Amino acid sequence: MELTGAIWRKSTRSSGNGGNCVEVADNLPGVVGVRDSKDRQGPALTFRPSSWAAFVAYAKRA
């Protein structure tokens, strides 16, 4: 999946100490990208927006 043009932002749940951070790009049509902020050139996971929304909703309940 090509993520050219993705605008990455850190998760609001990431700690501010530069440690374990997740970045999300949800500005592309039809896809949400997720990557490790410590390895920005590494692989990214991609999800359908509906799947990502379901995951986030579940995580908020946990």
PDB file of N, CA and C in Angstrom:
ATOM      1  N   MET A   1       0.856  -1.181   0.000  1.00  0.00           N
ATOM      2  CA  MET A   1       0.000   0.000   0.000  1.00  0.00           C
ATOM      3  C   MET A   1       0.898   1.238   0.000  1.00  0.00           C
ATOM      4  N   GLU A   2       0.653   2.103  -0.916  1.00  0.00           N
ATOM      5  CA  GLU A   2       1.412   3.349  -1.042  1.00  0.00           C
ATOM      6  C   GLU A   2       0.863   4.390  -0.069  1.00  0.00           C
ATOM      7  N   LEU A   3       1.730   4.942   0.760  1.00  0.00           N
ATOM      8  CA  LEU A   3       1.312   5.938   1.747  1.00  0.00           C
ATOM      9  C   LEU A   3       1.911   7.316   1.459  1.00  0.00           C
ATOM     10  N   THR A   4       2.254   7.555   0.189  1.00  0.00           N
ATOM     11  CA  THR A   4       2.760   8.862  -0.195  1.00  0.00           C
ATOM     12  C   THR A   4       1.709   9.918   0.097  1.00  0.00           C
ATOM     13  N   GLY A   5       2.113  10.985   0.734  1.00  0.00           N
ATOM     14  CA  GLY A   5       1.190  12.051   1.086  1.00  0.00           C
ATOM     15  C   GLY A   5       0.580  11.889   2.462  1.00  0.00           C
ATOM     16  N   ALA A   6       0.955  10.805   3.151  1.00  0.00           N
ATOM     17  CA  ALA A   6       0.421  10.585   4.496  1.00  0.00           C
ATOM     18  C   ALA A   6       0.920  11.669   5.436  1.00  0.00           C
ATOM     19  N   ILE A   7       0.028  12.166   6.255  1.00  0.00           N
ATOM     20  CA  ILE A   7       0.374  13.126   7.302  1.00  0.00           C
ATOM     21  C   ILE A   7       0.289  12.372   8.619  1.00  0.00           C
ATOM     22  N   TRP A   8       1.448  12.123   9.206  1.00  0.00           N
ATOM     23  CA  TRP A   8       1.541  11.304  10.409  1.00  0.00           C
ATOM     24  C   TRP A   8       1.391  12.164  11.653  1.00  0.00           C
ATOM     25  N   ARG A   9       0.689  11.616  12.642  1.00  0.00           N
ATOM     26  CA  ARG A   9       0.550  12.272  13.943  1.00  0.00           C
ATOM     27  C   ARG A   9       0.690  11.212  15.020  1.00  0.00           C
ATOM     28  N   LYS A  10       1.203  11.626  16.164  1.00  0.00           N
ATOM     29  CA  LYS A  10       1.348  10.689  17.268  1.00  0.00           C
ATOM     30  C   LYS A  10       0.006  10.445  17.930  1.00  0.00           C
ATOM     31  N   SER A  11      -0.174   9.246  18.394  1.00  0.00           N
ATOM     32  CA  SER A  11      -1.369   8.903  19.136  1.00  0.00           C
ATOM     33  C   SER A  11      -1.463   9.761  20.391  1.00  0.00           C
ATOM     34  N   THR A  12      -2.660  10.138  20.761  1.00  0.00           N
ATOM     35  CA  THR A  12      -2.843  10.918  21.982  1.00  0.00           C
ATOM     36  C   THR A  12      -2.533  10.072  23.213  1.00  0.00           C
ATOM     37  N   ARG A  13      -2.476   8.764  23.054  1.00  0.00           N
ATOM     38  CA  ARG A  13      -2.153   7.856  24.163  1.00  0.00           C
ATOM     39  C   ARG A  13      -0.654   7.606  24.293  1.00  0.00           C
ATOM     40  N   SER A  14       0.152   8.101  23.382  1.00  0.00           N
ATOM     41  CA  SER A  14       1.596   7.911  23.456  1.00  0.00           C
ATOM     42  C   SER A  14       2.169   8.766  24.563  1.00  0.00           C
ATOM     43  N   SER A  15       3.179   8.243  25.209  1.00  0.00           N
ATOM     44  CA  SER A  15       3.818   9.003  26.275  1.00  0.00           C
ATOM     45  C   SER A  15       4.656  10.126  25.675  1.00  0.00           C
ATOM     46  N   GLY A  16       4.893  11.155  26.440  1.00  0.00           N
ATOM     47  CA  GLY A  16       5.658  12.302  25.967  1.00  0.00           C
ATOM     48  C   GLY A  16       7.151  12.178  26.178  1.00  0.00           C
ATOM     49  N   ASN A  17       7.627  11.005  26.592  1.00  0.00           N
ATOM     50  CA  ASN A  17       9.044  10.852  26.915  1.00  0.00           C
ATOM     51  C   ASN A  17       9.875  10.321  25.752  1.00  0.00           C
ATOM     52  N   GLY A  18       9.315  10.287  24.557  1.00  0.00           N
ATOM     53  CA  GLY A  18      10.062   9.802  23.396  1.00  0.00           C
ATOM     54  C   GLY A  18      10.156   8.298  23.329  1.00  0.00           C
ATOM     55  N   GLY A  19       9.400   7.606  24.154  1.00  0.00           N
ATOM     56  CA  GLY A  19       9.457   6.156  24.207  1.00  0.00           C
ATOM     57  C   GLY A  19       8.553   5.484  23.204  1.00  0.00           C
ATOM     58  N   ASN A  20       7.735   4.594  23.689  1.00  0.00           N
ATOM     59  CA  ASN A  20       6.862   3.778  22.845  1.00  0.00           C
ATOM     60  C   ASN A  20       5.740   4.620  22.257  1.00  0.00           C
ATOM     61  N   CYS A  21       5.899   5.013  21.006  1.00  0.00           N
ATOM     62  CA  CYS A  21       4.905   5.874  20.359  1.00  0.00           C
ATOM     63  C   CYS A  21       4.372   5.230  19.088  1.00  0.00           C
ATOM     64  N   VAL A  22       3.115   5.479  18.845  1.00  0.00           N
ATOM     65  CA  VAL A  22       2.458   5.039  17.623  1.00  0.00           C
ATOM     66  C   VAL A  22       2.076   6.290  16.855  1.00  0.00           C
ATOM     67  N   GLU A  23       2.285   6.266  15.544  1.00  0.00           N
ATOM     68  CA  GLU A  23       1.853   7.363  14.686  1.00  0.00           C
ATOM     69  C   GLU A  23       0.773   6.849  13.750  1.00  0.00           C
ATOM     70  N   VAL A  24      -0.211   7.702  13.502  1.00  0.00           N
ATOM     71  CA  VAL A  24      -1.346   7.350  12.670  1.00  0.00           C
ATOM     72  C   VAL A  24      -1.467   8.371  11.546  1.00  0.00           C
ATOM     73  N   ALA A  25      -1.761   7.897  10.346  1.00  0.00           N
ATOM     74  CA  ALA A  25      -2.051   8.768   9.203  1.00  0.00           C
ATOM     75  C   ALA A  25      -3.453   8.419   8.730  1.00  0.00           C
ATOM     76  N   ASP A  26      -4.379   9.353   8.926  1.00  0.00           N
ATOM     77  CA  ASP A  26      -5.759   9.083   8.518  1.00  0.00           C
ATOM     78  C   ASP A  26      -6.277  10.108   7.515  1.00  0.00           C
ATOM     79  N   ASN A  27      -5.353  10.708   6.790  1.00  0.00           N
ATOM     80  CA  ASN A  27      -5.734  11.730   5.808  1.00  0.00           C
ATOM     81  C   ASN A  27      -5.863  11.187   4.382  1.00  0.00           C
ATOM     82  N   LEU A  28      -5.600   9.925   4.185  1.00  0.00           N
ATOM     83  CA  LEU A  28      -5.660   9.347   2.837  1.00  0.00           C
ATOM     84  C   LEU A  28      -7.008   8.666   2.618  1.00  0.00           C
ATOM     85  N   PRO A  29      -7.557   8.763   1.419  1.00  0.00           N
ATOM     86  CA  PRO A  29      -8.861   8.145   1.171  1.00  0.00           C
ATOM     87  C   PRO A  29      -8.780   6.621   1.215  1.00  0.00           C
ATOM     88  N   GLY A  30      -9.659   6.016   2.006  1.00  0.00           N
ATOM     89  CA  GLY A  30      -9.787   4.571   2.023  1.00  0.00           C
ATOM     90  C   GLY A  30      -8.766   3.797   2.813  1.00  0.00           C
ATOM     91  N   VAL A  31      -7.859   4.472   3.527  1.00  0.00           N
ATOM     92  CA  VAL A  31      -6.826   3.743   4.268  1.00  0.00           C
ATOM     93  C   VAL A  31      -6.369   4.558   5.477  1.00  0.00           C
ATOM     94  N   VAL A  32      -6.034   3.840   6.543  1.00  0.00           N
ATOM     95  CA  VAL A  32      -5.417   4.439   7.729  1.00  0.00           C
ATOM     96  C   VAL A  32      -4.080   3.733   7.917  1.00  0.00           C
ATOM     97  N   GLY A  33      -3.006   4.504   8.018  1.00  0.00           N
ATOM     98  CA  GLY A  33      -1.682   3.947   8.236  1.00  0.00           C
ATOM     99  C   GLY A  33      -1.287   4.056   9.696  1.00  0.00           C
ATOM    100  N   VAL A  34      -0.550   3.050  10.185  1.00  0.00           N
ATOM    101  CA  VAL A  34      -0.058   3.035  11.565  1.00  0.00           C
ATOM    102  C   VAL A  34       1.399   2.593  11.518  1.00  0.00           C
ATOM    103  N   ARG A  35       2.262   3.341  12.235  1.00  0.00           N
ATOM    104  CA  ARG A  35       3.684   2.979  12.248  1.00  0.00           C
ATOM    105  C   ARG A  35       4.298   3.280  13.611  1.00  0.00           C
ATOM    106  N   ASP A  36       5.476   2.768  13.813  1.00  0.00           N
ATOM    107  CA  ASP A  36       6.267   2.989  15.020  1.00  0.00           C
ATOM    108  C   ASP A  36       7.062   4.276  14.828  1.00  0.00           C
ATOM    109  N   SER A  37       6.900   5.230  15.715  1.00  0.00           N
ATOM    110  CA  SER A  37       7.581   6.519  15.550  1.00  0.00           C
ATOM    111  C   SER A  37       9.096   6.394  15.672  1.00  0.00           C
ATOM    112  N   LYS A  38       9.587   5.320  16.283  1.00  0.00           N
ATOM    113  CA  LYS A  38      11.035   5.124  16.409  1.00  0.00           C
ATOM    114  C   LYS A  38      11.645   4.555  15.130  1.00  0.00           C
ATOM    115  N   ASP A  39      10.808   4.090  14.212  1.00  0.00           N
ATOM    116  CA  ASP A  39      11.277   3.487  12.956  1.00  0.00           C
ATOM    117  C   ASP A  39      10.437   4.029  11.801  1.00  0.00           C
ATOM    118  N   ARG A  40      10.558   5.314  11.557  1.00  0.00           N
ATOM    119  CA  ARG A  40       9.715   5.979  10.562  1.00  0.00           C
ATOM    120  C   ARG A  40       9.940   5.484   9.137  1.00  0.00           C
ATOM    121  N   GLN A  41      11.094   4.934   8.857  1.00  0.00           N
ATOM    122  CA  GLN A  41      11.347   4.396   7.522  1.00  0.00           C
ATOM    123  C   GLN A  41      10.980   2.920   7.433  1.00  0.00           C
ATOM    124  N   GLY A  42      10.600   2.344   8.551  1.00  0.00           N
ATOM    125  CA  GLY A  42      10.235   0.932   8.600  1.00  0.00           C
ATOM    126  C   GLY A  42       8.839   0.689   8.070  1.00  0.00           C
ATOM    127  N   PRO A  43       8.345  -0.507   8.279  1.00  0.00           N
ATOM    128  CA  PRO A  43       7.030  -0.871   7.746  1.00  0.00           C
ATOM    129  C   PRO A  43       5.896  -0.145   8.467  1.00  0.00           C
ATOM    130  N   ALA A  44       4.797  -0.015   7.775  1.00  0.00           N
ATOM    131  CA  ALA A  44       3.577   0.553   8.346  1.00  0.00           C
ATOM    132  C   ALA A  44       2.449  -0.442   8.116  1.00  0.00           C
ATOM    133  N   LEU A  45       1.568  -0.524   9.081  1.00  0.00           N
ATOM    134  CA  LEU A  45       0.365  -1.327   8.920  1.00  0.00           C
ATOM    135  C   LEU A  45      -0.703  -0.457   8.285  1.00  0.00           C
ATOM    136  N   THR A  46      -1.585  -1.056   7.508  1.00  0.00           N
ATOM    137  CA  THR A  46      -2.690  -0.307   6.914  1.00  0.00           C
ATOM    138  C   THR A  46      -4.001  -0.996   7.246  1.00  0.00           C
ATOM    139  N   PHE A  47      -5.021  -0.173   7.451  1.00  0.00           N
ATOM    140  CA  PHE A  47      -6.346  -0.654   7.811  1.00  0.00           C
ATOM    141  C   PHE A  47      -7.397   0.094   7.015  1.00  0.00           C
ATOM    142  N   ARG A  48      -8.534  -0.546   6.805  1.00  0.00           N
ATOM    143  CA  ARG A  48      -9.683   0.169   6.269  1.00  0.00           C
ATOM    144  C   ARG A  48     -10.170   1.119   7.362  1.00  0.00           C
ATOM    145  N   PRO A  49     -10.661   2.294   7.015  1.00  0.00           N
ATOM    146  CA  PRO A  49     -11.127   3.228   8.041  1.00  0.00           C
ATOM    147  C   PRO A  49     -12.156   2.623   8.994  1.00  0.00           C
ATOM    148  N   SER A  50     -13.054   1.790   8.494  1.00  0.00           N
ATOM    149  CA  SER A  50     -14.056   1.183   9.373  1.00  0.00           C
ATOM    150  C   SER A  50     -13.415   0.223  10.372  1.00  0.00           C
ATOM    151  N   SER A  51     -12.408  -0.509   9.946  1.00  0.00           N
ATOM    152  CA  SER A  51     -11.699  -1.417  10.851  1.00  0.00           C
ATOM    153  C   SER A  51     -10.929  -0.643  11.907  1.00  0.00           C
ATOM    154  N   TRP A  52     -10.280   0.443  11.491  1.00  0.00           N
ATOM    155  CA  TRP A  52      -9.537   1.276  12.445  1.00  0.00           C
ATOM    156  C   TRP A  52     -10.487   1.895  13.460  1.00  0.00           C
ATOM    157  N   ALA A  53     -11.630   2.385  13.010  1.00  0.00           N
ATOM    158  CA  ALA A  53     -12.606   2.993  13.919  1.00  0.00           C
ATOM    159  C   ALA A  53     -13.108   1.962  14.932  1.00  0.00           C
ATOM    160  N   ALA A  54     -13.333   0.734  14.496  1.00  0.00           N
ATOM    161  CA  ALA A  54     -13.777  -0.321  15.410  1.00  0.00           C
ATOM    162  C   ALA A  54     -12.697  -0.629  16.442  1.00  0.00           C
ATOM    163  N   PHE A  55     -11.442  -0.688  16.006  1.00  0.00           N
ATOM    164  CA  PHE A  55     -10.332  -0.933  16.937  1.00  0.00           C
ATOM    165  C   PHE A  55     -10.233   0.182  17.970  1.00  0.00           C
ATOM    166  N   VAL A  56     -10.286   1.422  17.524  1.00  0.00           N
ATOM    167  CA  VAL A  56     -10.181   2.565  18.442  1.00  0.00           C
ATOM    168  C   VAL A  56     -11.340   2.561  19.440  1.00  0.00           C
ATOM    169  N   ALA A  57     -12.543   2.282  18.967  1.00  0.00           N
ATOM    170  CA  ALA A  57     -13.704   2.230  19.865  1.00  0.00           C
ATOM    171  C   ALA A  57     -13.522   1.150  20.925  1.00  0.00           C
ATOM    172  N   TYR A  58     -13.025  -0.011  20.522  1.00  0.00           N
ATOM    173  CA  TYR A  58     -12.784  -1.094  21.465  1.00  0.00           C
ATOM    174  C   TYR A  58     -11.697  -0.720  22.456  1.00  0.00           C
ATOM    175  N   ALA A  59     -10.613  -0.126  21.971  1.00  0.00           N
ATOM    176  CA  ALA A  59      -9.501   0.263  22.844  1.00  0.00           C
ATOM    177  C   ALA A  59      -9.933   1.300  23.875  1.00  0.00           C
ATOM    178  N   LYS A  60     -10.820   2.176  23.505  1.00  0.00           N
ATOM    179  CA  LYS A  60     -11.309   3.192  24.452  1.00  0.00           C
ATOM    180  C   LYS A  60     -12.125   2.574  25.580  1.00  0.00           C
ATOM    181  N   ARG A  61     -12.790   1.454  25.286  1.00  0.00           N
ATOM    182  CA  ARG A  61     -13.584   0.776  26.318  1.00  0.00           C
ATOM    183  C   ARG A  61     -12.721  -0.028  27.263  1.00  0.00           C
ATOM    184  N   ALA A  62     -11.543  -0.427  26.812  1.00  0.00           N
ATOM    185  CA  ALA A  62     -10.676  -1.303  27.621  1.00  0.00           C
ATOM    186  C   ALA A  62      -9.992  -0.560  28.749  1.00  0.00           C
TER     187      ALA A  62
END
